[in-house]
Amino acid sequence: MILSHIVAVSENEVIGKDNSLLWHFPEDLAYFKKRTTGKVLIMGRKTFDCFKKPLPNRFHIVISKSSTDSANENVRFVNSLSEAYTVAEKMTLNGKWPEEVMIIGGGQIYAETLKDTDFIYITRIPGEYNGDTNYSLRLPTEFKLAFCQFSDDVPGLRYEIWSKEQKED
């Protein structure tokens, strides 16, 4: 299983406020859709709640302290990160879902999973925002920039892919 973060971050490391994004860039939303469609997603309950309904063509693993059931066959609530990893591993091993599992937030989930992450897809949002949830852009030294592309339409908006270097045995 490959674990990847996907996150949009402002220049001052803000990713949201009151469980909402603080910006609206259709290009970035299309990028998120392209990168996550057809994959298993891991997220916290507040992140899941901000969508209002499950995202199409994705399997949602929602970490929640309160036990919750979902009538939607593409949503599974779990009580811990380790349980989320176990469910994701089963989903990817059965061949129905690809090997890459996307971690989509929120801030606490990102912080807890960074050590396990293989790739980080960062959309750099131009400007500074007043928010209550952050994502540290001071990545561990084993991550190296593998790709960077600037937006043709939005000045300062750019997409980066960071890859964890594999250690030699």
N, C-alpha and C. Protein backbone atom coordinates (compact mmCIF):
# COMPACT_ATOMS: atom_id res chain seq x y z
N MET A 1 0.85 -1.18 0.00
CA MET A 1 0.00 0.00 0.00
C MET A 1 0.89 1.24 0.00
N ILE A 2 0.56 2.18 -0.83
CA ILE A 2 1.26 3.45 -0.91
C ILE A 2 0.37 4.51 -0.26
N LEU A 3 0.91 5.25 0.70
CA LEU A 3 0.14 6.30 1.36
C LEU A 3 0.60 7.66 0.86
N SER A 4 -0.36 8.51 0.48
CA SER A 4 -0.05 9.83 -0.04
C SER A 4 -0.93 10.88 0.61
N HIS A 5 -0.33 12.00 0.98
CA HIS A 5 -1.10 13.17 1.39
C HIS A 5 -1.46 13.95 0.14
N ILE A 6 -2.64 14.55 0.13
CA ILE A 6 -2.98 15.56 -0.86
C ILE A 6 -3.56 16.73 -0.09
N VAL A 7 -2.97 17.92 -0.32
CA VAL A 7 -3.32 19.06 0.52
C VAL A 7 -3.09 20.36 -0.25
N ALA A 8 -3.94 21.32 -0.01
CA ALA A 8 -3.75 22.68 -0.54
C ALA A 8 -3.38 23.56 0.65
N VAL A 9 -2.26 24.29 0.52
CA VAL A 9 -1.69 25.03 1.65
C VAL A 9 -1.36 26.46 1.24
N SER A 10 -1.76 27.42 2.07
CA SER A 10 -1.42 28.82 1.81
C SER A 10 0.04 29.09 2.18
N GLU A 11 0.51 30.27 1.84
CA GLU A 11 1.90 30.64 2.13
C GLU A 11 2.21 30.63 3.62
N ASN A 12 1.20 30.85 4.47
CA ASN A 12 1.42 30.82 5.92
C ASN A 12 0.95 29.49 6.54
N GLU A 13 0.92 28.44 5.72
CA GLU A 13 0.66 27.06 6.15
C GLU A 13 -0.77 26.78 6.58
N VAL A 14 -1.72 27.63 6.23
CA VAL A 14 -3.12 27.42 6.57
C VAL A 14 -3.76 26.50 5.53
N ILE A 15 -4.60 25.57 6.02
CA ILE A 15 -5.35 24.71 5.10
C ILE A 15 -6.87 24.89 5.25
N GLY A 16 -7.31 25.57 6.29
CA GLY A 16 -8.75 25.78 6.43
C GLY A 16 -9.12 26.53 7.68
N LYS A 17 -10.42 26.79 7.77
CA LYS A 17 -10.99 27.45 8.95
C LYS A 17 -12.43 26.99 9.09
N ASP A 18 -12.81 26.64 10.31
CA ASP A 18 -14.18 26.19 10.59
C ASP A 18 -14.60 25.07 9.64
N ASN A 19 -13.69 24.12 9.41
CA ASN A 19 -13.95 22.95 8.56
C ASN A 19 -14.27 23.31 7.12
N SER A 20 -13.71 24.40 6.63
CA SER A 20 -13.94 24.82 5.24
C SER A 20 -12.65 25.33 4.64
N LEU A 21 -12.57 25.25 3.31
CA LEU A 21 -11.46 25.88 2.59
C LEU A 21 -11.69 27.39 2.59
N LEU A 22 -10.61 28.13 2.53
CA LEU A 22 -10.70 29.59 2.55
C LEU A 22 -10.55 30.19 1.16
N TRP A 23 -10.39 29.37 0.15
CA TRP A 23 -10.18 29.84 -1.22
C TRP A 23 -10.99 28.96 -2.16
N HIS A 24 -11.17 29.44 -3.35
CA HIS A 24 -11.89 28.66 -4.36
C HIS A 24 -11.17 28.81 -5.70
N PHE A 25 -10.42 27.77 -6.04
CA PHE A 25 -9.72 27.72 -7.33
C PHE A 25 -10.22 26.49 -8.07
N PRO A 26 -11.12 26.65 -9.05
CA PRO A 26 -11.64 25.49 -9.78
C PRO A 26 -10.54 24.58 -10.33
N GLU A 27 -9.43 25.17 -10.72
CA GLU A 27 -8.31 24.38 -11.24
C GLU A 27 -7.78 23.42 -10.17
N ASP A 28 -7.67 23.89 -8.93
CA ASP A 28 -7.19 23.03 -7.86
C ASP A 28 -8.21 21.96 -7.51
N LEU A 29 -9.49 22.31 -7.54
CA LEU A 29 -10.52 21.30 -7.27
C LEU A 29 -10.48 20.20 -8.34
N ALA A 30 -10.23 20.57 -9.58
CA ALA A 30 -10.11 19.59 -10.67
C ALA A 30 -8.88 18.71 -10.45
N TYR A 31 -7.80 19.29 -9.96
CA TYR A 31 -6.58 18.54 -9.66
C TYR A 31 -6.86 17.52 -8.55
N PHE A 32 -7.53 17.96 -7.50
CA PHE A 32 -7.89 17.06 -6.40
C PHE A 32 -8.74 15.91 -6.93
N LYS A 33 -9.72 16.23 -7.75
CA LYS A 33 -10.60 15.20 -8.32
C LYS A 33 -9.79 14.20 -9.15
N LYS A 34 -8.91 14.71 -9.99
CA LYS A 34 -8.08 13.85 -10.85
C LYS A 34 -7.21 12.91 -10.02
N ARG A 35 -6.61 13.42 -8.96
CA ARG A 35 -5.69 12.63 -8.15
C ARG A 35 -6.39 11.62 -7.23
N THR A 36 -7.66 11.88 -6.87
CA THR A 36 -8.32 11.03 -5.87
C THR A 36 -9.41 10.12 -6.44
N THR A 37 -9.92 10.41 -7.62
CA THR A 37 -11.00 9.59 -8.18
C THR A 37 -10.52 8.15 -8.38
N GLY A 38 -11.37 7.22 -7.97
CA GLY A 38 -11.06 5.81 -8.11
C GLY A 38 -10.19 5.25 -7.01
N LYS A 39 -9.91 6.05 -5.96
CA LYS A 39 -9.00 5.61 -4.91
C LYS A 39 -9.69 5.55 -3.55
N VAL A 40 -9.01 4.90 -2.62
CA VAL A 40 -9.41 4.88 -1.23
C VAL A 40 -8.90 6.16 -0.58
N LEU A 41 -9.77 6.82 0.21
CA LEU A 41 -9.42 8.05 0.91
C LEU A 41 -9.49 7.80 2.41
N ILE A 42 -8.52 8.34 3.14
CA ILE A 42 -8.56 8.32 4.61
C ILE A 42 -8.70 9.76 5.07
N MET A 43 -9.62 9.99 6.01
CA MET A 43 -9.87 11.35 6.50
C MET A 43 -10.45 11.31 7.90
N GLY A 44 -10.42 12.46 8.55
CA GLY A 44 -11.10 12.61 9.82
C GLY A 44 -12.58 12.91 9.58
N ARG A 45 -13.37 12.79 10.65
CA ARG A 45 -14.81 13.00 10.53
C ARG A 45 -15.16 14.42 10.11
N LYS A 46 -14.46 15.41 10.64
CA LYS A 46 -14.77 16.80 10.28
C LYS A 46 -14.51 17.05 8.80
N THR A 47 -13.46 16.47 8.27
CA THR A 47 -13.20 16.59 6.83
C THR A 47 -14.33 15.95 6.04
N PHE A 48 -14.74 14.76 6.45
CA PHE A 48 -15.84 14.08 5.77
C PHE A 48 -17.12 14.92 5.82
N ASP A 49 -17.40 15.50 6.99
CA ASP A 49 -18.62 16.30 7.15
C ASP A 49 -18.63 17.52 6.23
N CYS A 50 -17.46 18.08 5.94
CA CYS A 50 -17.43 19.29 5.10
C CYS A 50 -17.85 19.01 3.66
N PHE A 51 -17.81 17.75 3.23
CA PHE A 51 -18.22 17.41 1.86
C PHE A 51 -19.74 17.37 1.69
N LYS A 52 -20.48 17.26 2.77
CA LYS A 52 -21.95 17.17 2.76
C LYS A 52 -22.45 15.80 2.29
N LYS A 53 -21.73 15.18 1.34
CA LYS A 53 -22.08 13.82 0.89
C LYS A 53 -20.79 13.17 0.39
N PRO A 54 -20.76 11.84 0.32
CA PRO A 54 -19.55 11.16 -0.15
C PRO A 54 -19.18 11.60 -1.57
N LEU A 55 -17.88 11.69 -1.81
CA LEU A 55 -17.39 12.04 -3.13
C LEU A 55 -17.56 10.83 -4.07
N PRO A 56 -18.02 11.06 -5.30
CA PRO A 56 -18.27 9.93 -6.19
C PRO A 56 -16.99 9.20 -6.61
N ASN A 57 -17.14 7.91 -6.83
CA ASN A 57 -16.07 7.06 -7.34
C ASN A 57 -14.84 7.01 -6.45
N ARG A 58 -15.07 7.04 -5.14
CA ARG A 58 -14.00 6.94 -4.16
C ARG A 58 -14.53 6.16 -2.96
N PHE A 59 -13.63 5.47 -2.25
CA PHE A 59 -14.02 4.79 -1.02
C PHE A 59 -13.50 5.61 0.16
N HIS A 60 -14.39 5.99 1.06
CA HIS A 60 -14.08 6.88 2.18
C HIS A 60 -13.89 6.08 3.47
N ILE A 61 -12.71 6.18 4.06
CA ILE A 61 -12.47 5.64 5.40
C ILE A 61 -12.40 6.85 6.33
N VAL A 62 -13.36 6.92 7.25
CA VAL A 62 -13.52 8.09 8.11
C VAL A 62 -13.15 7.71 9.54
N ILE A 63 -12.14 8.40 10.09
CA ILE A 63 -11.72 8.15 11.46
C ILE A 63 -12.57 9.03 12.37
N SER A 64 -13.28 8.37 13.31
CA SER A 64 -14.19 9.09 14.19
C SER A 64 -14.16 8.45 15.57
N LYS A 65 -14.12 9.27 16.61
CA LYS A 65 -14.13 8.75 17.97
C LYS A 65 -15.48 8.15 18.33
N SER A 66 -16.54 8.69 17.73
CA SER A 66 -17.87 8.15 18.00
C SER A 66 -18.19 7.10 16.94
N SER A 67 -18.72 6.01 17.37
CA SER A 67 -19.05 4.91 16.45
C SER A 67 -20.20 5.35 15.56
N THR A 68 -19.99 5.29 14.26
CA THR A 68 -21.00 5.72 13.30
C THR A 68 -21.09 4.70 12.18
N ASP A 69 -22.30 4.50 11.71
CA ASP A 69 -22.51 3.62 10.57
C ASP A 69 -22.95 4.48 9.39
N SER A 70 -22.72 3.97 8.20
CA SER A 70 -23.15 4.67 7.00
C SER A 70 -23.94 3.73 6.12
N ALA A 71 -25.00 4.24 5.54
CA ALA A 71 -25.79 3.46 4.60
C ALA A 71 -25.10 3.39 3.24
N ASN A 72 -24.12 4.27 3.01
CA ASN A 72 -23.42 4.31 1.74
C ASN A 72 -22.35 3.21 1.71
N GLU A 73 -22.35 2.38 0.67
CA GLU A 73 -21.41 1.28 0.59
C GLU A 73 -19.96 1.74 0.39
N ASN A 74 -19.75 3.00 0.03
CA ASN A 74 -18.40 3.52 -0.17
C ASN A 74 -17.92 4.38 0.98
N VAL A 75 -18.53 4.19 2.16
CA VAL A 75 -18.11 4.91 3.38
C VAL A 75 -17.98 3.90 4.51
N ARG A 76 -16.85 3.95 5.20
CA ARG A 76 -16.64 3.09 6.36
C ARG A 76 -16.08 3.93 7.48
N PHE A 77 -16.74 3.95 8.62
CA PHE A 77 -16.25 4.65 9.81
C PHE A 77 -15.40 3.70 10.63
N VAL A 78 -14.26 4.21 11.12
CA VAL A 78 -13.36 3.44 11.97
C VAL A 78 -13.02 4.28 13.19
N ASN A 79 -12.49 3.62 14.22
CA ASN A 79 -12.21 4.31 15.48
C ASN A 79 -10.77 4.77 15.65
N SER A 80 -9.86 4.34 14.76
CA SER A 80 -8.45 4.68 14.95
C SER A 80 -7.72 4.70 13.62
N LEU A 81 -6.56 5.31 13.63
CA LEU A 81 -5.71 5.34 12.45
C LEU A 81 -5.26 3.93 12.08
N SER A 82 -4.91 3.13 13.07
CA SER A 82 -4.46 1.76 12.76
C SER A 82 -5.58 0.96 12.11
N GLU A 83 -6.81 1.16 12.55
CA GLU A 83 -7.94 0.48 11.91
C GLU A 83 -8.14 0.99 10.49
N ALA A 84 -7.94 2.30 10.28
CA ALA A 84 -8.04 2.87 8.93
C ALA A 84 -7.01 2.23 8.00
N TYR A 85 -5.79 2.07 8.49
CA TYR A 85 -4.74 1.43 7.69
C TYR A 85 -5.11 -0.02 7.35
N THR A 86 -5.65 -0.74 8.32
CA THR A 86 -6.03 -2.14 8.10
C THR A 86 -7.12 -2.24 7.03
N VAL A 87 -8.13 -1.39 7.13
CA VAL A 87 -9.21 -1.39 6.13
C VAL A 87 -8.66 -1.02 4.76
N ALA A 88 -7.83 0.01 4.70
CA ALA A 88 -7.26 0.45 3.42
C ALA A 88 -6.42 -0.66 2.79
N GLU A 89 -5.63 -1.33 3.60
CA GLU A 89 -4.79 -2.43 3.10
C GLU A 89 -5.66 -3.53 2.49
N LYS A 90 -6.74 -3.89 3.17
CA LYS A 90 -7.66 -4.91 2.63
C LYS A 90 -8.29 -4.44 1.33
N MET A 91 -8.68 -3.18 1.28
CA MET A 91 -9.33 -2.64 0.07
C MET A 91 -8.39 -2.67 -1.13
N THR A 92 -7.12 -2.36 -0.90
CA THR A 92 -6.17 -2.33 -2.01
C THR A 92 -5.71 -3.73 -2.41
N LEU A 93 -5.67 -4.65 -1.46
CA LEU A 93 -5.24 -6.01 -1.78
C LEU A 93 -6.29 -6.80 -2.53
N ASN A 94 -7.56 -6.41 -2.41
CA ASN A 94 -8.60 -7.18 -3.10
C ASN A 94 -8.66 -6.88 -4.59
N GLY A 95 -7.86 -5.91 -5.04
CA GLY A 95 -7.77 -5.62 -6.47
C GLY A 95 -8.82 -4.66 -7.00
N LYS A 96 -9.81 -4.31 -6.19
CA LYS A 96 -10.85 -3.39 -6.66
C LYS A 96 -10.35 -1.94 -6.64
N TRP A 97 -9.45 -1.64 -5.74
CA TRP A 97 -8.95 -0.28 -5.57
C TRP A 97 -7.44 -0.26 -5.80
N PRO A 98 -6.90 0.85 -6.34
CA PRO A 98 -5.45 0.90 -6.59
C PRO A 98 -4.65 0.93 -5.30
N GLU A 99 -3.35 0.70 -5.45
CA GLU A 99 -2.44 0.60 -4.32
C GLU A 99 -2.26 1.92 -3.58
N GLU A 100 -2.41 3.05 -4.28
CA GLU A 100 -2.22 4.36 -3.65
C GLU A 100 -3.48 4.77 -2.89
N VAL A 101 -3.31 5.02 -1.59
CA VAL A 101 -4.37 5.48 -0.70
C VAL A 101 -4.09 6.94 -0.38
N MET A 102 -5.12 7.79 -0.55
CA MET A 102 -4.95 9.24 -0.37
C MET A 102 -5.44 9.68 1.01
N ILE A 103 -4.57 10.36 1.73
CA ILE A 103 -4.94 10.95 3.02
C ILE A 103 -5.31 12.39 2.73
N ILE A 104 -6.55 12.78 3.07
CA ILE A 104 -7.06 14.08 2.64
C ILE A 104 -7.37 15.04 3.80
N GLY A 105 -6.97 14.72 5.01
CA GLY A 105 -7.14 15.65 6.11
C GLY A 105 -7.98 15.10 7.24
N GLY A 106 -8.13 15.89 8.21
CA GLY A 106 -7.66 17.23 8.46
C GLY A 106 -6.28 17.30 9.06
N GLY A 107 -6.03 18.43 9.68
CA GLY A 107 -4.71 18.73 10.19
C GLY A 107 -4.13 17.67 11.11
N GLN A 108 -4.92 17.16 12.03
CA GLN A 108 -4.44 16.15 12.97
C GLN A 108 -4.12 14.85 12.25
N ILE A 109 -4.95 14.46 11.29
CA ILE A 109 -4.71 13.23 10.52
C ILE A 109 -3.43 13.38 9.71
N TYR A 110 -3.24 14.54 9.08
CA TYR A 110 -1.99 14.76 8.34
C TYR A 110 -0.78 14.60 9.27
N ALA A 111 -0.84 15.24 10.44
CA ALA A 111 0.30 15.20 11.37
C ALA A 111 0.59 13.76 11.82
N GLU A 112 -0.45 13.00 12.10
CA GLU A 112 -0.27 11.63 12.59
C GLU A 112 0.22 10.67 11.51
N THR A 113 -0.02 10.98 10.25
CA THR A 113 0.31 10.05 9.17
C THR A 113 1.57 10.40 8.39
N LEU A 114 2.14 11.56 8.65
CA LEU A 114 3.29 12.01 7.86
C LEU A 114 4.43 10.99 7.87
N LYS A 115 4.69 10.39 9.01
CA LYS A 115 5.80 9.42 9.11
C LYS A 115 5.57 8.19 8.24
N ASP A 116 4.32 7.90 7.90
CA ASP A 116 3.98 6.71 7.11
C ASP A 116 3.82 7.03 5.62
N THR A 117 3.87 8.30 5.27
CA THR A 117 3.52 8.75 3.93
C THR A 117 4.68 8.56 2.95
N ASP A 118 4.34 8.12 1.72
CA ASP A 118 5.33 7.92 0.67
C ASP A 118 5.42 9.11 -0.27
N PHE A 119 4.27 9.75 -0.54
CA PHE A 119 4.21 10.91 -1.44
C PHE A 119 3.36 12.00 -0.81
N ILE A 120 3.67 13.25 -1.16
CA ILE A 120 2.86 14.38 -0.73
C ILE A 120 2.57 15.23 -1.96
N TYR A 121 1.29 15.39 -2.25
CA TYR A 121 0.83 16.26 -3.33
C TYR A 121 0.41 17.57 -2.69
N ILE A 122 1.18 18.63 -2.93
CA ILE A 122 0.89 19.92 -2.33
C ILE A 122 0.49 20.91 -3.41
N THR A 123 -0.66 21.55 -3.22
CA THR A 123 -1.00 22.71 -4.03
C THR A 123 -0.63 23.91 -3.18
N ARG A 124 0.29 24.72 -3.70
CA ARG A 124 0.71 25.93 -3.00
C ARG A 124 -0.26 27.05 -3.40
N ILE A 125 -1.00 27.54 -2.41
CA ILE A 125 -1.99 28.58 -2.63
C ILE A 125 -1.34 29.94 -2.39
N PRO A 126 -1.44 30.85 -3.36
CA PRO A 126 -0.82 32.17 -3.17
C PRO A 126 -1.56 32.96 -2.09
N GLY A 127 -0.80 33.68 -1.29
CA GLY A 127 -1.39 34.54 -0.27
C GLY A 127 -1.38 33.92 1.11
N GLU A 128 -1.69 34.76 2.08
CA GLU A 128 -1.80 34.32 3.47
C GLU A 128 -3.25 34.41 3.89
N TYR A 129 -3.67 33.46 4.70
CA TYR A 129 -5.06 33.37 5.14
C TYR A 129 -5.12 33.21 6.64
N ASN A 130 -6.20 33.69 7.23
CA ASN A 130 -6.44 33.53 8.65
C ASN A 130 -7.27 32.26 8.84
N GLY A 131 -6.64 31.22 9.37
CA GLY A 131 -7.34 29.95 9.53
C GLY A 131 -7.08 29.35 10.88
N ASP A 132 -7.70 28.19 11.11
CA ASP A 132 -7.52 27.49 12.38
C ASP A 132 -6.91 26.10 12.22
N THR A 133 -6.60 25.73 10.98
CA THR A 133 -5.99 24.43 10.72
C THR A 133 -4.80 24.64 9.79
N ASN A 134 -3.68 24.01 10.16
CA ASN A 134 -2.43 24.22 9.42
C ASN A 134 -1.85 22.90 8.94
N TYR A 135 -0.94 23.03 7.98
CA TYR A 135 -0.13 21.92 7.48
C TYR A 135 1.29 22.43 7.39
N SER A 136 2.18 21.85 8.16
CA SER A 136 3.57 22.33 8.18
C SER A 136 4.26 22.01 6.86
N LEU A 137 4.82 23.03 6.25
CA LEU A 137 5.57 22.84 5.01
C LEU A 137 7.04 22.53 5.27
N ARG A 138 7.40 22.38 6.53
CA ARG A 138 8.75 21.94 6.87
C ARG A 138 8.74 20.41 6.88
N LEU A 139 8.93 19.85 5.70
CA LEU A 139 8.84 18.41 5.53
C LEU A 139 10.10 17.72 6.05
N PRO A 140 9.96 16.48 6.50
CA PRO A 140 11.15 15.74 6.92
C PRO A 140 12.19 15.67 5.79
N THR A 141 13.45 15.56 6.16
CA THR A 141 14.54 15.61 5.19
C THR A 141 14.51 14.47 4.18
N GLU A 142 13.84 13.37 4.48
CA GLU A 142 13.81 12.26 3.52
C GLU A 142 12.88 12.53 2.33
N PHE A 143 12.11 13.62 2.38
CA PHE A 143 11.26 13.99 1.24
C PHE A 143 12.03 14.90 0.30
N LYS A 144 11.94 14.58 -0.97
CA LYS A 144 12.59 15.38 -2.02
C LYS A 144 11.55 15.79 -3.05
N LEU A 145 11.69 17.00 -3.58
CA LEU A 145 10.77 17.50 -4.59
C LEU A 145 10.97 16.69 -5.87
N ALA A 146 9.91 16.03 -6.34
CA ALA A 146 9.97 15.20 -7.54
C ALA A 146 9.35 15.89 -8.75
N PHE A 147 8.45 16.86 -8.50
CA PHE A 147 7.74 17.50 -9.60
C PHE A 147 7.21 18.85 -9.12
N CYS A 148 7.25 19.83 -10.01
CA CYS A 148 6.68 21.15 -9.72
C CYS A 148 6.13 21.74 -11.01
N GLN A 149 4.89 22.21 -10.95
CA GLN A 149 4.27 22.84 -12.12
C GLN A 149 3.48 24.05 -11.67
N PHE A 150 3.68 25.17 -12.35
CA PHE A 150 2.95 26.40 -12.04
C PHE A 150 1.67 26.44 -12.85
N SER A 151 0.65 27.05 -12.28
CA SER A 151 -0.62 27.25 -12.98
C SER A 151 -0.44 28.24 -14.12
N ASP A 152 -1.10 27.98 -15.22
CA ASP A 152 -1.11 28.93 -16.34
C ASP A 152 -2.13 30.05 -16.09
N ASP A 153 -3.10 29.80 -15.22
CA ASP A 153 -4.22 30.71 -15.05
C ASP A 153 -4.19 31.54 -13.77
N VAL A 154 -3.59 31.01 -12.70
CA VAL A 154 -3.61 31.69 -11.40
C VAL A 154 -2.17 31.99 -10.98
N PRO A 155 -1.76 33.25 -10.99
CA PRO A 155 -0.40 33.60 -10.59
C PRO A 155 -0.09 33.11 -9.17
N GLY A 156 1.04 32.45 -9.02
CA GLY A 156 1.47 31.99 -7.70
C GLY A 156 0.96 30.61 -7.33
N LEU A 157 -0.04 30.09 -8.01
CA LEU A 157 -0.56 28.76 -7.71
C LEU A 157 0.35 27.73 -8.36
N ARG A 158 0.79 26.76 -7.55
CA ARG A 158 1.64 25.72 -8.13
C ARG A 158 1.37 24.37 -7.47
N TYR A 159 1.72 23.35 -8.21
CA TYR A 159 1.51 21.97 -7.78
C TYR A 159 2.87 21.31 -7.59
N GLU A 160 3.05 20.67 -6.45
CA GLU A 160 4.30 19.98 -6.16
C GLU A 160 4.00 18.54 -5.76
N ILE A 161 4.91 17.67 -6.14
CA ILE A 161 4.85 16.28 -5.67
C ILE A 161 6.17 16.00 -4.98
N TRP A 162 6.09 15.62 -3.72
CA TRP A 162 7.25 15.28 -2.92
C TRP A 162 7.27 13.77 -2.72
N SER A 163 8.44 13.19 -2.85
CA SER A 163 8.59 11.75 -2.75
C SER A 163 9.56 11.41 -1.62
N LYS A 164 9.23 10.38 -0.86
CA LYS A 164 10.12 9.95 0.21
C LYS A 164 11.23 9.10 -0.41
N GLU A 165 12.46 9.45 -0.10
CA GLU A 165 13.59 8.66 -0.59
C GLU A 165 13.58 7.29 0.09
N GLN A 166 13.81 6.28 -0.71
CA GLN A 166 13.89 4.92 -0.17
C GLN A 166 15.28 4.71 0.43
N LYS A 167 15.33 4.21 1.64
CA LYS A 167 16.60 3.97 2.29
C LYS A 167 17.22 2.66 1.77
N GLU A 168 18.53 2.70 1.60
CA GLU A 168 19.27 1.50 1.19
C GLU A 168 19.39 0.58 2.41
N ASP A 169 19.24 -0.73 2.17
CA ASP A 169 19.40 -1.69 3.29
C ASP A 169 20.85 -2.05 3.50
